[in-house]
PDB file of N, CA and C in Angstrom:
ATOM      1  N   MET A   1      98.945 107.609 112.794  1.00  0.00           N
ATOM      2  CA  MET A   1      99.004 106.415 111.986  1.00  0.00           C
ATOM      3  C   MET A   1     100.037 106.781 110.693  1.00  0.00           C
ATOM      4  N   LEU A   2      99.811 107.379 110.663  1.00  0.00           N
ATOM      5  CA  LEU A   2     101.254 108.222 109.687  1.00  0.00           C
ATOM      6  C   LEU A   2     102.214 108.121 109.480  1.00  0.00           C
ATOM      7  N   LEU A   3     103.034 108.442 111.461  1.00  0.00           N
ATOM      8  CA  LEU A   3     104.054 108.078 111.618  1.00  0.00           C
ATOM      9  C   LEU A   3     104.869 106.466 111.938  1.00  0.00           C
ATOM     10  N   LYS A   4     103.198 106.272 112.045  1.00  0.00           N
ATOM     11  CA  LYS A   4     103.723 104.157 112.698  1.00  0.00           C
ATOM     12  C   LYS A   4     104.678 103.701 110.834  1.00  0.00           C
ATOM     13  N   ARG A   5     102.846 104.170 109.924  1.00  0.00           N
ATOM     14  CA  ARG A   5     103.210 103.358 108.358  1.00  0.00           C
ATOM     15  C   ARG A   5     104.471 104.112 107.777  1.00  0.00           C
ATOM     16  N   VAL A   6     105.481 105.478 107.998  1.00  0.00           N
ATOM     17  CA  VAL A   6     105.832 105.946 107.685  1.00  0.00           C
ATOM     18  C   VAL A   6     107.673 104.956 108.183  1.00  0.00           C
ATOM     19  N   TYR A   7     107.785 104.835 109.679  1.00  0.00           N
ATOM     20  CA  TYR A   7     108.701 104.886 110.526  1.00  0.00           C
ATOM     21  C   TYR A   7     108.790 103.274 111.394  1.00  0.00           C
ATOM     22  N   GLU A   8     108.036 102.831 110.519  1.00  0.00           N
ATOM     23  CA  GLU A   8     107.948 101.285 111.198  1.00  0.00           C
ATOM     24  C   GLU A   8     108.820 100.676 112.297  1.00  0.00           C
ATOM     25  N   SER A   9     109.283 100.348 112.043  1.00  0.00           N
ATOM     26  CA  SER A   9     110.003  99.491 113.162  1.00  0.00           C
ATOM     27  C   SER A   9     111.179 100.330 114.077  1.00  0.00           C
ATOM     28  N   PHE A  10     111.753 101.679 113.800  1.00  0.00           N
ATOM     29  CA  PHE A  10     112.494 102.481 113.994  1.00  0.00           C
ATOM     30  C   PHE A  10     112.022 103.030 115.194  1.00  0.00           C
ATOM     31  N   LEU A  11     110.248 103.396 115.221  1.00  0.00           N
ATOM     32  CA  LEU A  11     109.884 104.325 116.311  1.00  0.00           C
ATOM     33  C   LEU A  11     109.784 102.888 117.796  1.00  0.00           C
ATOM     34  N   VAL A  12     110.343 103.639 118.668  1.00  0.00           N
ATOM     35  CA  VAL A  12     110.540 103.724 119.872  1.00  0.00           C
ATOM     36  C   VAL A  12     108.583 103.941 121.236  1.00  0.00           C
ATOM     37  N   ASN A  13     108.746 103.704 122.307  1.00  0.00           N
ATOM     38  CA  ASN A  13     108.540 104.371 123.228  1.00  0.00           C
ATOM     39  C   ASN A  13     109.421 105.534 123.755  1.00  0.00           C
ATOM     40  N   PRO A  14     108.571 106.780 123.469  1.00  0.00           N
ATOM     41  CA  PRO A  14     109.438 108.080 123.754  1.00  0.00           C
ATOM     42  C   PRO A  14     109.940 108.066 124.932  1.00  0.00           C
ATOM     43  N   LYS A  15     110.854 109.180 124.769  1.00  0.00           N
ATOM     44  CA  LYS A  15     111.444 109.290 126.605  1.00  0.00           C
ATOM     45  C   LYS A  15     110.478 110.833 126.663  1.00  0.00           C
ATOM     46  N   SER A  16     110.992 110.730 128.346  1.00  0.00           N
ATOM     47  CA  SER A  16     110.419 111.695 128.626  1.00  0.00           C
ATOM     48  C   SER A  16     110.002 112.912 128.829  1.00  0.00           C
ATOM     49  N   GLY A  17     109.207 113.382 128.195  1.00  0.00           N
ATOM     50  CA  GLY A  17     110.062 114.882 127.107  1.00  0.00           C
ATOM     51  C   GLY A  17     110.085 115.351 125.888  1.00  0.00           C
ATOM     52  N   TYR A  18     109.801 113.791 125.136  1.00  0.00           N
ATOM     53  CA  TYR A  18     108.792 113.692 123.889  1.00  0.00           C
ATOM     54  C   TYR A  18     107.760 113.143 123.335  1.00  0.00           C
ATOM     55  N   ASN A  19     107.602 113.284 121.999  1.00  0.00           N
ATOM     56  CA  ASN A  19     106.240 112.442 121.861  1.00  0.00           C
ATOM     57  C   ASN A  19     106.478 111.721 120.619  1.00  0.00           C
ATOM     58  N   VAL A  20     107.464 111.931 120.121  1.00  0.00           N
ATOM     59  CA  VAL A  20     107.862 110.685 118.935  1.00  0.00           C
ATOM     60  C   VAL A  20     109.883 110.759 119.539  1.00  0.00           C
ATOM     61  N   PHE A  21     109.810 109.141 120.242  1.00  0.00           N
ATOM     62  CA  PHE A  21     111.254 109.084 120.039  1.00  0.00           C
ATOM     63  C   PHE A  21     111.319 108.417 118.622  1.00  0.00           C
ATOM     64  N   LEU A  22     112.719 107.834 117.380  1.00  0.00           N
ATOM     65  CA  LEU A  22     113.469 106.976 116.874  1.00  0.00           C
ATOM     66  C   LEU A  22     113.861 106.654 117.171  1.00  0.00           C
ATOM     67  N   SER A  23     114.631 105.272 116.993  1.00  0.00           N
ATOM     68  CA  SER A  23     116.084 104.632 117.825  1.00  0.00           C
ATOM     69  C   SER A  23     116.783 103.590 115.784  1.00  0.00           C
ATOM     70  N   TYR A  24     117.894 103.506 115.656  1.00  0.00           N
ATOM     71  CA  TYR A  24     118.654 103.602 114.616  1.00  0.00           C
ATOM     72  C   TYR A  24     119.389 102.370 115.167  1.00  0.00           C
ATOM     73  N   ASP A  25     119.554 101.349 114.513  1.00  0.00           N
ATOM     74  CA  ASP A  25     120.925 101.098 114.962  1.00  0.00           C
ATOM     75  C   ASP A  25     122.070 101.235 113.832  1.00  0.00           C
ATOM     76  N   LEU A  26     122.650 102.249 114.138  1.00  0.00           N
ATOM     77  CA  LEU A  26     124.139 102.502 112.874  1.00  0.00           C
ATOM     78  C   LEU A  26     124.725 101.541 112.433  1.00  0.00           C
ATOM     79  N   GLU A  27     124.502  99.885 113.329  1.00  0.00           N
ATOM     80  CA  GLU A  27     125.010  98.927 113.062  1.00  0.00           C
ATOM     81  C   GLU A  27     125.104  98.439 111.697  1.00  0.00           C
ATOM     82  N   ASN A  28     123.425  98.081 111.913  1.00  0.00           N
ATOM     83  CA  ASN A  28     123.118  97.284 111.270  1.00  0.00           C
ATOM     84  C   ASN A  28     121.388  98.218 110.275  1.00  0.00           C
ATOM     85  N   LEU A  29     121.940  98.864 109.336  1.00  0.00           N
ATOM     86  CA  LEU A  29     120.972  99.617 108.552  1.00  0.00           C
ATOM     87  C   LEU A  29     120.704  98.834 107.547  1.00  0.00           C
ATOM     88  N   PRO A  30     119.538  99.022 107.041  1.00  0.00           N
ATOM     89  CA  PRO A  30     119.304  98.688 105.428  1.00  0.00           C
ATOM     90  C   PRO A  30     119.863  99.408 105.158  1.00  0.00           C
ATOM     91  N   ALA A  31     119.549  98.762 103.379  1.00  0.00           N
ATOM     92  CA  ALA A  31     120.960  99.534 102.431  1.00  0.00           C
ATOM     93  C   ALA A  31     120.328 100.110 101.894  1.00  0.00           C
ATOM     94  N   SER A  32     118.955 101.035 102.099  1.00  0.00           N
ATOM     95  CA  SER A  32     118.349 102.202 102.033  1.00  0.00           C
ATOM     96  C   SER A  32     118.159 103.234 102.670  1.00  0.00           C
ATOM     97  N   LYS A  33     119.805 103.733 102.924  1.00  0.00           N
ATOM     98  CA  LYS A  33     120.092 104.403 103.879  1.00  0.00           C
ATOM     99  C   LYS A  33     119.554 105.630 103.777  1.00  0.00           C
ATOM    100  N   ASP A  34     119.709 105.893 102.025  1.00  0.00           N
ATOM    101  CA  ASP A  34     119.009 107.516 101.911  1.00  0.00           C
ATOM    102  C   ASP A  34     117.584 107.947 101.971  1.00  0.00           C
ATOM    103  N   SER A  35     117.226 107.013 101.852  1.00  0.00           N
ATOM    104  CA  SER A  35     115.134 106.886 102.468  1.00  0.00           C
ATOM    105  C   SER A  35     115.683 107.141 104.452  1.00  0.00           C
ATOM    106  N   ILE A  36     115.735 106.420 104.610  1.00  0.00           N
ATOM    107  CA  ILE A  36     115.929 106.987 106.236  1.00  0.00           C
ATOM    108  C   ILE A  36     116.691 107.833 106.247  1.00  0.00           C
ATOM    109  N   VAL A  37     117.171 108.679 105.884  1.00  0.00           N
ATOM    110  CA  VAL A  37     118.013 109.794 105.874  1.00  0.00           C
ATOM    111  C   VAL A  37     116.862 110.747 105.972  1.00  0.00           C
ATOM    112  N   HIS A  38     116.322 110.448 104.734  1.00  0.00           N
ATOM    113  CA  HIS A  38     115.250 111.496 104.364  1.00  0.00           C
ATOM    114  C   HIS A  38     114.231 111.204 105.061  1.00  0.00           C
ATOM    115  N   GLN A  39     113.444 110.056 105.090  1.00  0.00           N
ATOM    116  CA  GLN A  39     112.284 110.322 106.265  1.00  0.00           C
ATOM    117  C   GLN A  39     112.889 110.911 107.894  1.00  0.00           C
ATOM    118  N   THR A  40     113.601 110.667 108.086  1.00  0.00           N
ATOM    119  CA  THR A  40     114.516 111.180 108.951  1.00  0.00           C
ATOM    120  C   THR A  40     114.151 112.544 109.226  1.00  0.00           C
ATOM    121  N   GLY A  41     115.033 113.316 108.435  1.00  0.00           N
ATOM    122  CA  GLY A  41     115.259 114.133 107.422  1.00  0.00           C
ATOM    123  C   GLY A  41     113.473 115.574 107.671  1.00  0.00           C
ATOM    124  N   ILE A  42     112.505 114.787 107.699  1.00  0.00           N
ATOM    125  CA  ILE A  42     111.176 114.974 107.119  1.00  0.00           C
ATOM    126  C   ILE A  42     110.190 114.682 108.469  1.00  0.00           C
ATOM    127  N   LEU A  43     110.405 114.558 109.438  1.00  0.00           N
ATOM    128  CA  LEU A  43     110.557 113.813 110.522  1.00  0.00           C
ATOM    129  C   LEU A  43     109.037 114.906 111.202  1.00  0.00           C
ATOM    130  N   LYS A  44     110.030 116.187 111.291  1.00  0.00           N
ATOM    131  CA  LYS A  44     108.665 117.074 111.983  1.00  0.00           C
ATOM    132  C   LYS A  44     107.110 117.901 111.201  1.00  0.00           C
ATOM    133  N   LEU A  45     107.894 117.325 109.709  1.00  0.00           N
ATOM    134  CA  LEU A  45     107.265 117.530 108.417  1.00  0.00           C
ATOM    135  C   LEU A  45     105.237 116.492 109.539  1.00  0.00           C
ATOM    136  N   ASN A  46     105.810 115.314 108.953  1.00  0.00           N
ATOM    137  CA  ASN A  46     105.163 114.546 109.528  1.00  0.00           C
ATOM    138  C   ASN A  46     104.639 114.621 110.758  1.00  0.00           C
ATOM    139  N   CYS A  47     105.204 115.046 111.595  1.00  0.00           N
ATOM    140  CA  CYS A  47     104.570 115.112 112.736  1.00  0.00           C
ATOM    141  C   CYS A  47     103.787 116.241 112.541  1.00  0.00           C
ATOM    142  N   PHE A  48     103.679 117.111 112.072  1.00  0.00           N
ATOM    143  CA  PHE A  48     102.192 117.901 111.479  1.00  0.00           C
ATOM    144  C   PHE A  48     101.552 117.396 110.405  1.00  0.00           C
ATOM    145  N   ALA A  49     101.794 117.044 109.735  1.00  0.00           N
ATOM    146  CA  ALA A  49     100.660 116.256 108.946  1.00  0.00           C
ATOM    147  C   ALA A  49     100.087 115.164 110.295  1.00  0.00           C
ATOM    148  N   SER A  50     100.669 114.807 110.686  1.00  0.00           N
ATOM    149  CA  SER A  50      99.964 113.298 111.375  1.00  0.00           C
ATOM    150  C   SER A  50      99.095 113.851 112.307  1.00  0.00           C
ATOM    151  N   VAL A  51      98.726 115.360 112.715  1.00  0.00           N
ATOM    152  CA  VAL A  51      97.741 115.468 113.040  1.00  0.00           C
ATOM    153  C   VAL A  51      96.382 116.033 112.426  1.00  0.00           C
ATOM    154  N   PHE A  52      96.280 116.486 111.407  1.00  0.00           N
ATOM    155  CA  PHE A  52      95.660 116.465 110.130  1.00  0.00           C
ATOM    156  C   PHE A  52      94.782 114.732 109.565  1.00  0.00           C
ATOM    157  N   GLU A  53      95.738 113.758 109.606  1.00  0.00           N
ATOM    158  CA  GLU A  53      94.908 112.540 108.631  1.00  0.00           C
ATOM    159  C   GLU A  53      94.351 111.953 109.458  1.00  0.00           C
ATOM    160  N   LYS A  54      93.732 112.256 110.599  1.00  0.00           N
ATOM    161  CA  LYS A  54      92.418 111.451 111.036  1.00  0.00           C
ATOM    162  C   LYS A  54      90.820 112.703 110.308  1.00  0.00           C
ATOM    163  N   TYR A  55      91.530 113.594 110.856  1.00  0.00           N
ATOM    164  CA  TYR A  55      90.713 114.841 109.941  1.00  0.00           C
ATOM    165  C   TYR A  55      90.426 114.804 108.548  1.00  0.00           C
ATOM    166  N   PHE A  56      91.033 114.575 106.996  1.00  0.00           N
ATOM    167  CA  PHE A  56      91.082 114.255 106.516  1.00  0.00           C
ATOM    168  C   PHE A  56      90.051 112.730 106.399  1.00  0.00           C
ATOM    169  N   GLN A  57      91.146 112.006 107.021  1.00  0.00           N
ATOM    170  CA  GLN A  57      89.568 110.813 107.101  1.00  0.00           C
ATOM    171  C   GLN A  57      88.255 111.251 106.675  1.00  0.00           C
ATOM    172  N   PHE A  58      87.813 111.775 107.730  1.00  0.00           N
ATOM    173  CA  PHE A  58      86.716 111.729 108.605  1.00  0.00           C
ATOM    174  C   PHE A  58      85.742 112.145 107.283  1.00  0.00           C
ATOM    175  N   GLN A  59      86.415 113.878 106.660  1.00  0.00           N
ATOM    176  CA  GLN A  59      86.309 114.070 105.795  1.00  0.00           C
ATOM    177  C   GLN A  59      85.692 113.657 104.664  1.00  0.00           C
ATOM    178  N   GLU A  60      86.610 112.730 104.114  1.00  0.00           N
ATOM    179  CA  GLU A  60      86.023 111.689 103.368  1.00  0.00           C
ATOM    180  C   GLU A  60      84.747 110.068 103.445  1.00  0.00           C
ATOM    181  N   THR A  61      85.196 109.729 104.730  1.00  0.00           N
ATOM    182  CA  THR A  61      84.152 109.119 104.929  1.00  0.00           C
ATOM    183  C   THR A  61      82.790 109.945 105.260  1.00  0.00           C
ATOM    184  N   THR A  62      82.696 110.928 105.081  1.00  0.00           N
ATOM    185  CA  THR A  62      81.171 111.341 105.816  1.00  0.00           C
ATOM    186  C   THR A  62      80.879 112.459 105.045  1.00  0.00           C
ATOM    187  N   ARG A  63      81.663 112.491 103.429  1.00  0.00           N
ATOM    188  CA  ARG A  63      81.450 113.753 102.593  1.00  0.00           C
ATOM    189  C   ARG A  63      80.048 113.527 102.004  1.00  0.00           C
ATOM    190  N   LYS A  64      79.374 112.395 101.720  1.00  0.00           N
ATOM    191  CA  LYS A  64      77.977 112.844 101.169  1.00  0.00           C
ATOM    192  C   LYS A  64      77.109 113.342 102.664  1.00  0.00           C
ATOM    193  N   GLU A  65      77.530 112.899 103.766  1.00  0.00           N
ATOM    194  CA  GLU A  65      76.569 112.931 104.356  1.00  0.00           C
ATOM    195  C   GLU A  65      76.397 113.949 105.583  1.00  0.00           C
ATOM    196  N   ARG A  66      77.449 114.771 105.344  1.00  0.00           N
ATOM    197  CA  ARG A  66      77.078 116.443 105.532  1.00  0.00           C
ATOM    198  C   ARG A  66      76.599 116.712 105.469  1.00  0.00           C
ATOM    199  N   THR A  67      76.087 117.907 105.892  1.00  0.00           N
ATOM    200  CA  THR A  67      75.071 119.049 105.643  1.00  0.00           C
ATOM    201  C   THR A  67      75.576 120.801 106.131  1.00  0.00           C
ATOM    202  N   GLY A  68      76.449 120.910 107.116  1.00  0.00           N
ATOM    203  CA  GLY A  68      76.958 121.703 107.545  1.00  0.00           C
ATOM    204  C   GLY A  68      78.427 122.106 107.751  1.00  0.00           C
ATOM    205  N   GLN A  69      79.158 122.605 108.310  1.00  0.00           N
ATOM    206  CA  GLN A  69      80.919 123.372 108.430  1.00  0.00           C
ATOM    207  C   GLN A  69      81.225 121.920 109.714  1.00  0.00           C
ATOM    208  N   LEU A  70      82.148 121.732 109.585  1.00  0.00           N
ATOM    209  CA  LEU A  70      83.330 121.356 110.664  1.00  0.00           C
ATOM    210  C   LEU A  70      84.768 121.486 110.754  1.00  0.00           C
ATOM    211  N   SER A  71      84.284 122.390 112.074  1.00  0.00           N
ATOM    212  CA  SER A  71      85.902 122.763 112.374  1.00  0.00           C
ATOM    213  C   SER A  71      86.800 122.407 113.462  1.00  0.00           C
ATOM    214  N   ILE A  72      88.060 122.520 112.897  1.00  0.00           N
ATOM    215  CA  ILE A  72      89.048 121.815 113.995  1.00  0.00           C
ATOM    216  C   ILE A  72      89.713 123.012 114.902  1.00  0.00           C
ATOM    217  N   ILE A  73      90.069 122.536 115.966  1.00  0.00           N
ATOM    218  CA  ILE A  73      90.960 123.611 116.680  1.00  0.00           C
ATOM    219  C   ILE A  73      91.889 123.239 117.731  1.00  0.00           C
ATOM    220  N   GLY A  74      92.811 123.140 117.358  1.00  0.00           N
ATOM    221  CA  GLY A  74      93.727 122.293 118.478  1.00  0.00           C
ATOM    222  C   GLY A  74      95.291 122.898 118.751  1.00  0.00           C
ATOM    223  N   MET A  75      95.706 122.343 119.034  1.00  0.00           N
ATOM    224  CA  MET A  75      96.813 123.032 119.659  1.00  0.00           C
ATOM    225  C   MET A  75      98.126 122.872 118.991  1.00  0.00           C
ATOM    226  N   MET A  76      99.095 123.431 118.767  1.00  0.00           N
ATOM    227  CA  MET A  76      99.573 122.506 117.918  1.00  0.00           C
ATOM    228  C   MET A  76     100.800 122.567 118.971  1.00  0.00           C
ATOM    229  N   ARG A  77     101.936 121.390 119.380  1.00  0.00           N
ATOM    230  CA  ARG A  77     102.553 121.022 120.030  1.00  0.00           C
ATOM    231  C   ARG A  77     104.730 121.789 119.159  1.00  0.00           C
ATOM    232  N   PRO A  78     105.332 122.572 119.318  1.00  0.00           N
ATOM    233  CA  PRO A  78     106.004 121.956 118.870  1.00  0.00           C
ATOM    234  C   PRO A  78     107.629 120.809 118.841  1.00  0.00           C
ATOM    235  N   CYS A  79     107.692 119.496 117.384  1.00  0.00           N
ATOM    236  CA  CYS A  79     108.321 118.840 117.351  1.00  0.00           C
ATOM    237  C   CYS A  79     109.728 119.588 117.498  1.00  0.00           C
ATOM    238  N   MET A  80     110.731 118.704 118.466  1.00  0.00           N
ATOM    239  CA  MET A  80     111.986 118.616 118.333  1.00  0.00           C
ATOM    240  C   MET A  80     113.061 117.636 117.577  1.00  0.00           C
ATOM    241  N   LEU A  81     114.150 117.452 117.030  1.00  0.00           N
ATOM    242  CA  LEU A  81     114.521 116.406 116.405  1.00  0.00           C
ATOM    243  C   LEU A  81     115.771 116.848 117.620  1.00  0.00           C
ATOM    244  N   SER A  82     116.516 115.825 118.367  1.00  0.00           N
ATOM    245  CA  SER A  82     117.641 114.958 118.988  1.00  0.00           C
ATOM    246  C   SER A  82     118.462 114.325 118.323  1.00  0.00           C
ATOM    247  N   LEU A  83     119.249 114.078 117.120  1.00  0.00           N
ATOM    248  CA  LEU A  83     120.038 112.865 117.566  1.00  0.00           C
ATOM    249  C   LEU A  83     121.384 112.789 118.178  1.00  0.00           C
ATOM    250  N   LYS A  84     121.200 110.862 119.107  1.00  0.00           N
ATOM    251  CA  LYS A  84     123.288 111.631 119.501  1.00  0.00           C
ATOM    252  C   LYS A  84     123.064 109.747 119.750  1.00  0.00           C
ATOM    253  N   ARG A  85     124.670 108.968 119.333  1.00  0.00           N
ATOM    254  CA  ARG A  85     124.981 108.032 119.432  1.00  0.00           C
ATOM    255  C   ARG A  85     124.568 107.204 120.968  1.00  0.00           C
ATOM    256  N   THR A  86     124.606 105.945 120.433  1.00  0.00           N
ATOM    257  CA  THR A  86     124.419 105.637 121.660  1.00  0.00           C
ATOM    258  C   THR A  86     124.968 103.981 121.809  1.00  0.00           C
ATOM    259  N   GLU A  87     125.119 103.608 122.618  1.00  0.00           N
ATOM    260  CA  GLU A  87     126.844 102.401 122.507  1.00  0.00           C
ATOM    261  C   GLU A  87     125.194 101.746 122.842  1.00  0.00           C
ATOM    262  N   SER A  88     125.973 100.843 122.247  1.00  0.00           N
ATOM    263  CA  SER A  88     125.173  99.494 121.936  1.00  0.00           C
ATOM    264  C   SER A  88     125.376  98.490 123.325  1.00  0.00           C
ATOM    265  N   GLN A  89     124.694  97.260 124.071  1.00  0.00           N
ATOM    266  CA  GLN A  89     125.243  97.165 125.348  1.00  0.00           C
ATOM    267  C   GLN A  89     124.683  95.605 125.446  1.00  0.00           C
TER     268      GLN A  89
END
């Protein structure tokens, strides 16, 4: 949900070996280029944060109902950012 909100139309189906793939049309970038550069720069941070988003939503909605503790155990996968220019066809 977080990645969809932040990267909207730039998210495309990931290529083999990737979990997240962004595609930018360099010829038709929006006027807010600085924002796009910043958001792309924090992609790894947002990948990490997105893992916890569902947990925090669950915690908020069940705050009144909880009587015990909730533990989250998970594996963090490395997030790699690779940029390259592709020619439009």
